[in-house]
Amino acid sequence: MTNKLKLIDLLTELQTNCSEIAYLSMVHLYEKLYEINDQTLIDKDEYLEIIKNYSMFFRYLNDYAGTIYKKYDSSIEIIYTELCNYYGLDLDNQYRFEHILKKLEKQTPQLLMSLSDSDIQRQTVEHFEEKLETIKSSDYYKNNESALFSKVEKLEKNIVLVKRALNY
């Protein structure tokens, strides 16, 4: 049995119960995926899955980030957290874990060492360590540690190497 609802009704519910920027962001996101009108139906699970999928959420809102940051003094992360809390979705999920992990894996020691400004290097290393700690303290990681340990360990070794090379 599917639970099809009018997309416009789901968005109206957001407009009534969430921040203006969360509502506008979701209209922006869903306009990329659907024609929003009185006839557009969506399965409630699919609707929530799109919100829950951290990487997709960021990708579809990336071009709206200027409005989010400048006009509403908010962030995509804050909106994601608000929506997950509103819908009772677990913030500590596979999508979010994998998104953070991929971002850290792209920050290789070579890339971090190539940053020319020492303040930017230090800030990047600190941010890397914060995100690594977020990963290590997540329930998702703890529940899947045997499968994920080697990836996290490699990131830990990389940041130790960079800190040594930069004399931090």
C-alpha atoms as a PDB file:
ATOM      1  CA  MET A   1       0.000   0.000   0.000  1.00  0.00           C
ATOM      2  CA  THR A   2       1.446   3.313  -1.015  1.00  0.00           C
ATOM      3  CA  ASN A   3       0.981   6.485   0.898  1.00  0.00           C
ATOM      4  CA  LYS A   4       0.571   9.044  -1.915  1.00  0.00           C
ATOM      5  CA  LEU A   5       0.032  12.623  -0.846  1.00  0.00           C
ATOM      6  CA  LYS A   6      -0.186  15.888  -2.702  1.00  0.00           C
ATOM      7  CA  LEU A   7       3.247  17.469  -2.816  1.00  0.00           C
ATOM      8  CA  ILE A   8       1.667  20.905  -2.463  1.00  0.00           C
ATOM      9  CA  ASP A   9       0.053  19.788   0.826  1.00  0.00           C
ATOM     10  CA  LEU A  10       3.374  18.556   2.197  1.00  0.00           C
ATOM     11  CA  LEU A  11       5.008  21.854   1.304  1.00  0.00           C
ATOM     12  CA  THR A  12       2.125  23.819   2.833  1.00  0.00           C
ATOM     13  CA  GLU A  13       2.596  21.824   6.037  1.00  0.00           C
ATOM     14  CA  LEU A  14       6.259  22.888   6.019  1.00  0.00           C
ATOM     15  CA  GLN A  15       5.282  26.495   5.427  1.00  0.00           C
ATOM     16  CA  THR A  16       3.027  26.379   8.483  1.00  0.00           C
ATOM     17  CA  ASN A  17       5.346  24.490  10.839  1.00  0.00           C
ATOM     18  CA  CYS A  18       8.935  25.311   9.876  1.00  0.00           C
ATOM     19  CA  SER A  19      11.080  28.345   9.222  1.00  0.00           C
ATOM     20  CA  GLU A  20      10.521  30.378   6.091  1.00  0.00           C
ATOM     21  CA  ILE A  21      13.935  29.431   4.702  1.00  0.00           C
ATOM     22  CA  ALA A  22      13.310  25.718   5.295  1.00  0.00           C
ATOM     23  CA  TYR A  23      10.043  26.005   3.377  1.00  0.00           C
ATOM     24  CA  LEU A  24      11.566  28.034   0.530  1.00  0.00           C
ATOM     25  CA  SER A  25      14.517  25.660   0.305  1.00  0.00           C
ATOM     26  CA  MET A  26      12.244  22.660  -0.015  1.00  0.00           C
ATOM     27  CA  VAL A  27      10.166  24.361  -2.702  1.00  0.00           C
ATOM     28  CA  HIS A  28      13.438  25.071  -4.534  1.00  0.00           C
ATOM     29  CA  LEU A  29      14.582  21.459  -4.143  1.00  0.00           C
ATOM     30  CA  TYR A  30      11.299  19.803  -5.131  1.00  0.00           C
ATOM     31  CA  GLU A  31      10.854  22.114  -8.144  1.00  0.00           C
ATOM     32  CA  LYS A  32      13.990  20.460  -9.524  1.00  0.00           C
ATOM     33  CA  LEU A  33      12.403  17.040  -9.211  1.00  0.00           C
ATOM     34  CA  TYR A  34       8.691  17.571  -9.828  1.00  0.00           C
ATOM     35  CA  GLU A  35       6.173  19.928 -11.294  1.00  0.00           C
ATOM     36  CA  ILE A  36       4.593  21.416  -8.205  1.00  0.00           C
ATOM     37  CA  ASN A  37       0.843  21.743  -8.660  1.00  0.00           C
ATOM     38  CA  ASP A  38      -2.410  20.444  -7.152  1.00  0.00           C
ATOM     39  CA  GLN A  39      -2.094  17.208  -9.115  1.00  0.00           C
ATOM     40  CA  THR A  40       1.449  16.196  -8.184  1.00  0.00           C
ATOM     41  CA  LEU A  41       1.407  13.176  -5.903  1.00  0.00           C
ATOM     42  CA  ILE A  42       4.383  11.788  -4.048  1.00  0.00           C
ATOM     43  CA  ASP A  43       4.838   8.824  -1.768  1.00  0.00           C
ATOM     44  CA  LYS A  44       5.456  10.110   1.767  1.00  0.00           C
ATOM     45  CA  ASP A  45       8.445   7.750   2.189  1.00  0.00           C
ATOM     46  CA  GLU A  46       9.982   9.049  -1.046  1.00  0.00           C
ATOM     47  CA  TYR A  47       9.392  12.624   0.110  1.00  0.00           C
ATOM     48  CA  LEU A  48      11.191  11.924   3.400  1.00  0.00           C
ATOM     49  CA  GLU A  49      13.972   9.944   1.710  1.00  0.00           C
ATOM     50  CA  ILE A  50      14.832  12.972  -0.425  1.00  0.00           C
ATOM     51  CA  ILE A  51      15.160  15.075   2.720  1.00  0.00           C
ATOM     52  CA  LYS A  52      17.129  12.397   4.560  1.00  0.00           C
ATOM     53  CA  ASN A  53      19.620  11.880   1.707  1.00  0.00           C
ATOM     54  CA  TYR A  54      22.298  14.307   2.889  1.00  0.00           C
ATOM     55  CA  SER A  55      24.349  14.411  -0.323  1.00  0.00           C
ATOM     56  CA  MET A  56      21.303  14.884  -2.537  1.00  0.00           C
ATOM     57  CA  PHE A  57      19.956  17.535  -0.179  1.00  0.00           C
ATOM     58  CA  PHE A  58      23.202  19.527  -0.380  1.00  0.00           C
ATOM     59  CA  ARG A  59      23.555  19.039  -4.132  1.00  0.00           C
ATOM     60  CA  TYR A  60      20.044  20.292  -4.896  1.00  0.00           C
ATOM     61  CA  LEU A  61      20.326  23.287  -2.569  1.00  0.00           C
ATOM     62  CA  ASN A  62      23.864  24.268  -3.501  1.00  0.00           C
ATOM     63  CA  ASP A  63      22.713  26.835  -6.074  1.00  0.00           C
ATOM     64  CA  TYR A  64      20.355  28.322  -3.453  1.00  0.00           C
ATOM     65  CA  ALA A  65      23.065  28.654  -0.813  1.00  0.00           C
ATOM     66  CA  GLY A  66      23.608  32.379  -1.442  1.00  0.00           C
ATOM     67  CA  THR A  67      20.000  33.119  -0.528  1.00  0.00           C
ATOM     68  CA  ILE A  68      20.180  30.793   2.455  1.00  0.00           C
ATOM     69  CA  TYR A  69      23.374  32.334   3.825  1.00  0.00           C
ATOM     70  CA  LYS A  70      22.986  35.987   2.904  1.00  0.00           C
ATOM     71  CA  LYS A  71      19.279  36.707   3.077  1.00  0.00           C
ATOM     72  CA  TYR A  72      18.361  34.324   5.907  1.00  0.00           C
ATOM     73  CA  ASP A  73      21.666  34.056   7.798  1.00  0.00           C
ATOM     74  CA  SER A  74      21.274  30.299   7.803  1.00  0.00           C
ATOM     75  CA  SER A  75      22.982  27.296   6.259  1.00  0.00           C
ATOM     76  CA  ILE A  76      22.069  24.144   4.423  1.00  0.00           C
ATOM     77  CA  GLU A  77      23.198  22.207   7.500  1.00  0.00           C
ATOM     78  CA  ILE A  78      20.822  24.169   9.760  1.00  0.00           C
ATOM     79  CA  ILE A  79      17.930  23.562   7.358  1.00  0.00           C
ATOM     80  CA  TYR A  80      18.769  19.859   7.128  1.00  0.00           C
ATOM     81  CA  THR A  81      18.794  19.614  10.918  1.00  0.00           C
ATOM     82  CA  GLU A  82      15.504  21.504  11.227  1.00  0.00           C
ATOM     83  CA  LEU A  83      13.755  19.264   8.702  1.00  0.00           C
ATOM     84  CA  CYS A  84      15.127  16.043  10.187  1.00  0.00           C
ATOM     85  CA  ASN A  85      13.995  17.157  13.625  1.00  0.00           C
ATOM     86  CA  TYR A  86      10.555  18.155  12.335  1.00  0.00           C
ATOM     87  CA  TYR A  87      10.014  14.810  10.600  1.00  0.00           C
ATOM     88  CA  GLY A  88      11.713  12.730  13.294  1.00  0.00           C
ATOM     89  CA  LEU A  89      14.473  11.591  10.934  1.00  0.00           C
ATOM     90  CA  ASP A  90      17.748  10.426  12.445  1.00  0.00           C
ATOM     91  CA  LEU A  91      20.548  12.917  11.772  1.00  0.00           C
ATOM     92  CA  ASP A  92      23.094  10.206  12.482  1.00  0.00           C
ATOM     93  CA  ASN A  93      22.507   8.229   9.311  1.00  0.00           C
ATOM     94  CA  GLN A  94      24.391   6.531   6.513  1.00  0.00           C
ATOM     95  CA  TYR A  95      23.830   9.386   4.040  1.00  0.00           C
ATOM     96  CA  ARG A  96      25.327  12.002   6.321  1.00  0.00           C
ATOM     97  CA  PHE A  97      28.215   9.755   7.348  1.00  0.00           C
ATOM     98  CA  GLU A  98      29.135   8.962   3.736  1.00  0.00           C
ATOM     99  CA  HIS A  99      28.875  12.617   2.706  1.00  0.00           C
ATOM    100  CA  ILE A 100      31.294  13.739   5.404  1.00  0.00           C
ATOM    101  CA  LEU A 101      33.627  10.811   4.743  1.00  0.00           C
ATOM    102  CA  LYS A 102      33.827  11.593   1.008  1.00  0.00           C
ATOM    103  CA  LYS A 103      34.586  15.245   1.702  1.00  0.00           C
ATOM    104  CA  LEU A 104      37.420  14.303   4.064  1.00  0.00           C
ATOM    105  CA  GLU A 105      38.822  11.726   1.646  1.00  0.00           C
ATOM    106  CA  LYS A 106      39.147  14.484  -0.969  1.00  0.00           C
ATOM    107  CA  GLN A 107      41.304  16.512   1.416  1.00  0.00           C
ATOM    108  CA  THR A 108      44.503  14.585   0.844  1.00  0.00           C
ATOM    109  CA  PRO A 109      47.742  15.421   2.663  1.00  0.00           C
ATOM    110  CA  GLN A 110      49.071  16.866  -0.607  1.00  0.00           C
ATOM    111  CA  LEU A 111      46.071  19.177  -0.903  1.00  0.00           C
ATOM    112  CA  LEU A 112      46.296  20.319   2.714  1.00  0.00           C
ATOM    113  CA  MET A 113      50.037  20.915   2.412  1.00  0.00           C
ATOM    114  CA  SER A 114      49.569  22.929  -0.780  1.00  0.00           C
ATOM    115  CA  LEU A 115      47.459  25.588   0.942  1.00  0.00           C
ATOM    116  CA  SER A 116      49.655  28.665   0.812  1.00  0.00           C
ATOM    117  CA  ASP A 117      48.266  30.636   3.741  1.00  0.00           C
ATOM    118  CA  SER A 118      49.199  29.238   7.165  1.00  0.00           C
ATOM    119  CA  ASP A 119      45.981  30.522   8.763  1.00  0.00           C
ATOM    120  CA  ILE A 120      43.919  28.744   6.120  1.00  0.00           C
ATOM    121  CA  GLN A 121      45.995  25.592   6.632  1.00  0.00           C
ATOM    122  CA  ARG A 122      45.413  25.684  10.385  1.00  0.00           C
ATOM    123  CA  GLN A 123      41.694  26.364   9.974  1.00  0.00           C
ATOM    124  CA  THR A 124      41.372  23.550   7.421  1.00  0.00           C
ATOM    125  CA  VAL A 125      43.208  21.098   9.682  1.00  0.00           C
ATOM    126  CA  GLU A 126      40.974  22.067  12.620  1.00  0.00           C
ATOM    127  CA  HIS A 127      37.844  21.678  10.490  1.00  0.00           C
ATOM    128  CA  PHE A 128      39.116  18.303   9.232  1.00  0.00           C
ATOM    129  CA  GLU A 129      39.659  17.128  12.804  1.00  0.00           C
ATOM    130  CA  GLU A 130      36.184  18.317  13.865  1.00  0.00           C
ATOM    131  CA  LYS A 131      34.530  16.447  10.993  1.00  0.00           C
ATOM    132  CA  LEU A 132      36.634  13.359  11.699  1.00  0.00           C
ATOM    133  CA  GLU A 133      35.504  13.463  15.319  1.00  0.00           C
ATOM    134  CA  THR A 134      31.886  13.810  14.146  1.00  0.00           C
ATOM    135  CA  ILE A 135      32.354  10.634  12.109  1.00  0.00           C
ATOM    136  CA  LYS A 136      34.053   8.699  14.912  1.00  0.00           C
ATOM    137  CA  SER A 137      31.441   9.644  17.502  1.00  0.00           C
ATOM    138  CA  SER A 138      28.475   8.871  15.255  1.00  0.00           C
ATOM    139  CA  ASP A 139      26.243   5.943  16.080  1.00  0.00           C
ATOM    140  CA  TYR A 140      26.357   4.961  12.423  1.00  0.00           C
ATOM    141  CA  TYR A 141      30.134   4.546  12.651  1.00  0.00           C
ATOM    142  CA  LYS A 142      29.964   2.752  15.974  1.00  0.00           C
ATOM    143  CA  ASN A 143      27.377   0.316  14.593  1.00  0.00           C
ATOM    144  CA  ASN A 144      29.442  -0.334  11.447  1.00  0.00           C
ATOM    145  CA  GLU A 145      32.953   0.104  12.787  1.00  0.00           C
ATOM    146  CA  SER A 146      34.304  -3.192  11.499  1.00  0.00           C
ATOM    147  CA  ALA A 147      33.422  -2.247   7.920  1.00  0.00           C
ATOM    148  CA  LEU A 148      34.463   1.412   8.199  1.00  0.00           C
ATOM    149  CA  PHE A 149      37.479   1.338  10.505  1.00  0.00           C
ATOM    150  CA  SER A 150      40.147   1.209   7.769  1.00  0.00           C
ATOM    151  CA  LYS A 151      38.754   4.303   5.997  1.00  0.00           C
ATOM    152  CA  VAL A 152      38.601   6.305   9.217  1.00  0.00           C
ATOM    153  CA  GLU A 153      42.025   5.087  10.292  1.00  0.00           C
ATOM    154  CA  LYS A 154      43.502   6.259   6.963  1.00  0.00           C
ATOM    155  CA  LEU A 155      41.998   9.725   7.520  1.00  0.00           C
ATOM    156  CA  GLU A 156      43.446   9.812  11.039  1.00  0.00           C
ATOM    157  CA  LYS A 157      46.899   8.886   9.734  1.00  0.00           C
ATOM    158  CA  ASN A 158      46.634  11.534   7.022  1.00  0.00           C
ATOM    159  CA  ILE A 159      45.833  14.325   9.456  1.00  0.00           C
ATOM    160  CA  VAL A 160      48.609  13.242  11.846  1.00  0.00           C
ATOM    161  CA  LEU A 161      51.038  13.326   8.920  1.00  0.00           C
ATOM    162  CA  VAL A 162      49.902  16.816   7.880  1.00  0.00           C
ATOM    163  CA  LYS A 163      50.095  18.141  11.443  1.00  0.00           C
ATOM    164  CA  ARG A 164      53.626  16.787  11.827  1.00  0.00           C
ATOM    165  CA  ALA A 165      54.717  18.292   8.518  1.00  0.00           C
ATOM    166  CA  LEU A 166      53.213  21.658   9.478  1.00  0.00           C
ATOM    167  CA  ASN A 167      54.595  21.468  13.026  1.00  0.00           C
ATOM    168  CA  TYR A 168      51.178  21.656  14.702  1.00  0.00           C
END
